[in-house]
């Protein structure tokens, strides 16, 4: 838990200096399970300034931390993309992040520390520096181990840009 606190402190204390963006989200983990394992979740991400920008798409490096009320922890790093819908404030977001997962006391057994998170979301730009989105992520071990149960998290996200 101290490691997660240190990572989050680093992300938020240095984000303005790197001119990227911070994403904060609240949601529900294990949202597609039909059992009582669903748990409130908090997500924090840092996205670098884009390393590639096209007319409607931008690609960035990103890091993420997710903690849920079952004390499951995911820390990942990878690529993030935003596709802007032409002439509108709407966008589609996606990301891919390999990372480390630790199961909490009553958490979700994902069979292995190495997990891969994919995310897809739909967002709306509020102004030049902030936006909101609804995103669904999926974490799994990519069949490196059997079984590969996977876990999904539905999150409402707020994004603030320092560009």
Protein backbone atom coordinates (compact mmCIF):
# COMPACT_ATOMS: atom_id res chain seq x y z
CA UNK A 1 0.00 0.00 0.00
CA UNK A 2 2.91 2.35 0.73
CA UNK A 3 4.24 1.68 -2.80
CA UNK A 4 0.87 2.68 -4.33
CA UNK A 5 0.81 5.87 -2.24
CA UNK A 6 4.31 6.75 -3.43
CA UNK A 7 3.40 6.16 -7.09
CA UNK A 8 0.27 8.30 -6.81
CA UNK A 9 2.19 11.08 -5.04
CA UNK A 10 4.82 11.07 -7.81
CA UNK A 11 2.15 11.16 -10.54
CA UNK A 12 0.24 14.08 -9.05
CA UNK A 13 3.18 16.13 -7.78
CA UNK A 14 5.03 16.12 -11.11
CA UNK A 15 2.25 16.04 -13.68
CA UNK A 16 2.20 19.78 -14.40
CA UNK A 17 5.94 19.80 -15.04
CA UNK A 18 5.62 17.11 -17.72
CA UNK A 19 2.76 18.86 -19.58
CA UNK A 20 0.73 15.72 -20.01
CA UNK A 21 -2.59 14.87 -18.43
CA UNK A 22 -3.96 13.26 -15.29
CA UNK A 23 -6.99 10.97 -15.38
CA UNK A 24 -8.96 10.15 -12.24
CA UNK A 25 -11.80 7.67 -12.19
CA UNK A 26 -14.38 6.06 -9.92
CA UNK A 27 -16.17 2.91 -10.84
CA UNK A 28 -16.99 -0.72 -10.14
CA UNK A 29 -14.56 -3.64 -10.47
CA UNK A 30 -15.80 -7.08 -11.56
CA UNK A 31 -18.79 -5.33 -13.14
CA UNK A 32 -19.59 -8.18 -15.55
CA UNK A 33 -19.49 -10.90 -12.90
CA UNK A 34 -22.87 -12.24 -11.84
CA UNK A 35 -21.72 -12.80 -8.29
CA UNK A 36 -21.32 -10.57 -5.25
CA UNK A 37 -17.63 -9.88 -5.96
CA UNK A 38 -18.18 -6.40 -7.47
CA UNK A 39 -16.25 -3.71 -5.61
CA UNK A 40 -15.94 0.09 -5.82
CA UNK A 41 -12.71 1.05 -7.60
CA UNK A 42 -10.46 4.11 -7.89
CA UNK A 43 -8.23 4.66 -10.93
CA UNK A 44 -5.43 7.22 -11.37
CA UNK A 45 -3.46 7.61 -14.61
CA UNK A 46 -0.82 9.88 -16.05
CA UNK A 47 -0.62 10.28 -19.84
CA UNK A 48 2.45 11.91 -21.39
CA UNK A 49 2.21 14.56 -24.08
CA UNK A 50 1.42 12.76 -27.35
CA UNK A 51 4.38 11.28 -29.19
CA UNK A 52 2.25 11.19 -32.36
CA UNK A 53 -0.67 13.42 -33.33
CA UNK A 54 -2.66 13.06 -36.51
CA UNK A 55 -5.74 14.94 -37.63
CA UNK A 56 -8.07 13.01 -35.35
CA UNK A 57 -5.87 10.69 -33.30
CA UNK A 58 -3.18 11.17 -30.65
CA UNK A 59 -0.97 8.46 -29.11
CA UNK A 60 0.68 8.81 -25.68
CA UNK A 61 2.63 6.78 -23.15
CA UNK A 62 0.65 6.16 -19.97
CA UNK A 63 0.90 4.72 -16.46
CA UNK A 64 -2.05 3.62 -14.35
CA UNK A 65 -2.85 2.58 -10.80
CA UNK A 66 -6.11 0.94 -9.78
CA UNK A 67 -7.24 0.08 -6.27
CA UNK A 68 -10.60 -1.38 -5.29
CA UNK A 69 -12.36 -1.90 -1.98
CA UNK A 70 -11.29 -5.57 -1.99
CA UNK A 71 -7.70 -4.20 -1.84
CA UNK A 72 -6.87 -5.51 -5.33
CA UNK A 73 -4.07 -3.40 -6.84
CA UNK A 74 -3.06 -3.05 -10.49
CA UNK A 75 -0.06 -0.98 -11.62
CA UNK A 76 0.56 -0.77 -15.36
CA UNK A 77 2.33 1.14 -18.10
CA UNK A 78 1.75 1.21 -21.84
CA UNK A 79 0.12 3.10 -24.68
CA UNK A 80 -2.98 5.28 -24.75
CA UNK A 81 -4.85 6.72 -27.74
CA UNK A 82 -7.60 9.24 -28.31
CA UNK A 83 -9.63 9.40 -31.51
CA UNK A 84 -11.57 12.65 -31.92
CA UNK A 85 -14.92 12.56 -33.69
CA UNK A 86 -14.66 15.10 -36.50
CA UNK A 87 -16.06 18.58 -35.70
CA UNK A 88 -17.42 17.59 -32.30
CA UNK A 89 -16.33 17.50 -28.65
CA UNK A 90 -16.73 13.68 -28.55
CA UNK A 91 -13.83 11.23 -28.54
CA UNK A 92 -13.09 7.53 -28.22
CA UNK A 93 -10.26 6.48 -25.95
CA UNK A 94 -8.33 3.24 -25.77
CA UNK A 95 -5.26 1.86 -24.06
CA UNK A 96 -3.13 -1.23 -23.63
CA UNK A 97 -1.04 -1.69 -20.47
CA UNK A 98 0.87 -4.69 -19.20
CA UNK A 99 1.22 -4.52 -15.44
CA UNK A 100 1.47 -6.12 -12.04
CA UNK A 101 -1.59 -7.28 -10.13
CA UNK A 102 -1.93 -8.11 -6.45
CA UNK A 103 -5.07 -9.80 -5.16
CA UNK A 104 -6.55 -8.26 -2.03
CA UNK A 105 -8.13 -10.01 0.94
CA UNK A 106 -11.49 -10.69 -0.73
CA UNK A 107 -10.29 -9.80 -4.21
CA UNK A 108 -10.49 -11.31 -7.64
CA UNK A 109 -8.19 -14.23 -8.41
CA UNK A 110 -6.70 -13.46 -11.84
CA UNK A 111 -4.09 -16.25 -11.74
CA UNK A 112 -0.72 -14.51 -11.87
CA UNK A 113 0.98 -11.23 -11.09
CA UNK A 114 1.47 -10.30 -14.77
CA UNK A 115 -1.82 -9.01 -16.20
CA UNK A 116 -2.71 -7.07 -19.33
CA UNK A 117 -5.26 -4.25 -19.23
CA UNK A 118 -7.14 -3.11 -22.32
CA UNK A 119 -9.55 -0.18 -22.16
CA UNK A 120 -12.17 1.38 -24.43
CA UNK A 121 -14.18 4.48 -23.59
CA UNK A 122 -16.39 7.24 -24.91
CA UNK A 123 -15.70 10.79 -23.79
CA UNK A 124 -16.78 14.40 -24.07
CA UNK A 125 -14.48 17.45 -23.97
CA UNK A 126 -15.77 20.01 -21.48
CA UNK A 127 -13.21 22.66 -22.50
CA UNK A 128 -9.58 22.87 -23.72
CA UNK A 129 -8.16 21.31 -20.57
CA UNK A 130 -10.76 18.90 -19.19
CA UNK A 131 -13.03 16.08 -20.29
CA UNK A 132 -15.16 13.28 -18.91
CA UNK A 133 -15.57 9.75 -20.19
CA UNK A 134 -17.14 6.39 -19.47
CA UNK A 135 -14.70 3.53 -19.95
CA UNK A 136 -14.66 -0.25 -19.62
CA UNK A 137 -11.38 -2.04 -19.01
CA UNK A 138 -10.52 -5.72 -19.09
CA UNK A 139 -7.64 -7.29 -17.16
CA UNK A 140 -6.43 -10.81 -17.88
CA UNK A 141 -3.27 -12.90 -18.03
CA UNK A 142 -3.63 -13.31 -21.83
CA UNK A 143 -3.77 -17.10 -21.43
CA UNK A 144 -0.22 -17.25 -20.07
CA UNK A 145 -1.68 -19.32 -17.22
CA UNK A 146 -4.79 -21.44 -16.94
CA UNK A 147 -7.44 -20.61 -15.93
CA UNK A 148 -7.68 -17.07 -17.30
CA UNK A 149 -10.78 -15.65 -15.58
CA UNK A 150 -10.30 -11.94 -16.37
CA UNK A 151 -11.94 -8.97 -14.70
CA UNK A 152 -13.75 -5.91 -16.02
CA UNK A 153 -14.03 -2.45 -14.47
CA UNK A 154 -16.55 0.21 -15.50
CA UNK A 155 -15.26 3.70 -14.67
CA UNK A 156 -16.44 7.30 -14.95
CA UNK A 157 -13.26 9.27 -15.66
CA UNK A 158 -12.24 12.92 -15.39
CA UNK A 159 -9.24 14.03 -17.42
CA UNK A 160 -7.26 17.25 -16.86
CA UNK A 161 -4.65 18.32 -19.38
CA UNK A 162 -1.59 20.44 -18.51
CA UNK A 163 -0.67 21.22 -22.16
